């Protein structure tokens, strides 16, 4: 499921490790949606799709 090196680097018992992983995952998702995806949408024309009639 997870790399053993990352799992062993986390402090505390299993419950604390799982909570830390969920917190980090939530932070990564937040940063992606708030900063990375809006920045990328300015440089890539993802929203501007066109379909031409044959």
Protein backbone atom coordinates (compact mmCIF):
# COMPACT_ATOMS: atom_id res chain seq x y z
CA UNK A 1 0.00 0.00 0.00
CA UNK A 2 2.60 2.53 1.06
CA UNK A 3 6.34 2.49 0.86
CA UNK A 4 7.80 1.01 4.02
CA UNK A 5 10.39 3.77 4.17
CA UNK A 6 7.68 6.44 4.35
CA UNK A 7 5.63 4.39 6.82
CA UNK A 8 8.62 3.86 9.12
CA UNK A 9 9.57 7.55 8.98
CA UNK A 10 6.22 8.57 10.43
CA UNK A 11 6.15 8.94 14.22
CA UNK A 12 3.72 7.36 16.63
CA UNK A 13 1.43 4.36 16.67
CA UNK A 14 -0.60 3.17 13.69
CA UNK A 15 -3.57 5.46 14.41
CA UNK A 16 -1.35 8.55 14.47
CA UNK A 17 0.42 7.47 11.28
CA UNK A 18 -2.86 7.02 9.45
CA UNK A 19 -4.09 10.42 10.64
CA UNK A 20 -0.84 12.05 9.52
CA UNK A 21 -1.12 10.43 6.11
CA UNK A 22 -4.71 11.63 5.73
CA UNK A 23 -3.67 15.13 6.77
CA UNK A 24 -0.81 15.20 4.26
CA UNK A 25 -3.07 13.82 1.53
CA UNK A 26 -5.68 16.50 2.24
CA UNK A 27 -2.98 19.19 2.12
CA UNK A 28 -1.69 17.91 -1.23
CA UNK A 29 -5.20 17.87 -2.71
CA UNK A 30 -5.83 21.40 -1.39
CA UNK A 31 -2.61 22.75 -2.90
CA UNK A 32 -3.36 21.07 -6.23
CA UNK A 33 -6.87 22.52 -6.48
CA UNK A 34 -6.01 25.99 -5.17
CA UNK A 35 -2.68 26.67 -6.88
CA UNK A 36 -1.48 24.07 -9.37
CA UNK A 37 -4.62 23.41 -11.43
CA UNK A 38 -5.54 27.12 -11.86
CA UNK A 39 -1.95 27.90 -12.86
CA UNK A 40 -1.91 25.03 -15.35
CA UNK A 41 -5.25 26.05 -16.86
CA UNK A 42 -3.78 29.42 -17.84
CA UNK A 43 -1.05 27.75 -19.89
CA UNK A 44 -3.03 24.86 -21.34
CA UNK A 45 -6.27 25.53 -23.20
CA UNK A 46 -8.18 22.78 -21.43
CA UNK A 47 -11.46 24.76 -21.22
CA UNK A 48 -11.40 25.88 -24.85
CA UNK A 49 -12.52 22.82 -26.77
CA UNK A 50 -14.22 23.14 -30.12
CA UNK A 51 -16.09 20.65 -32.23
CA UNK A 52 -16.46 21.46 -35.88
CA UNK A 53 -19.38 20.40 -38.04
CA UNK A 54 -18.40 17.98 -40.81
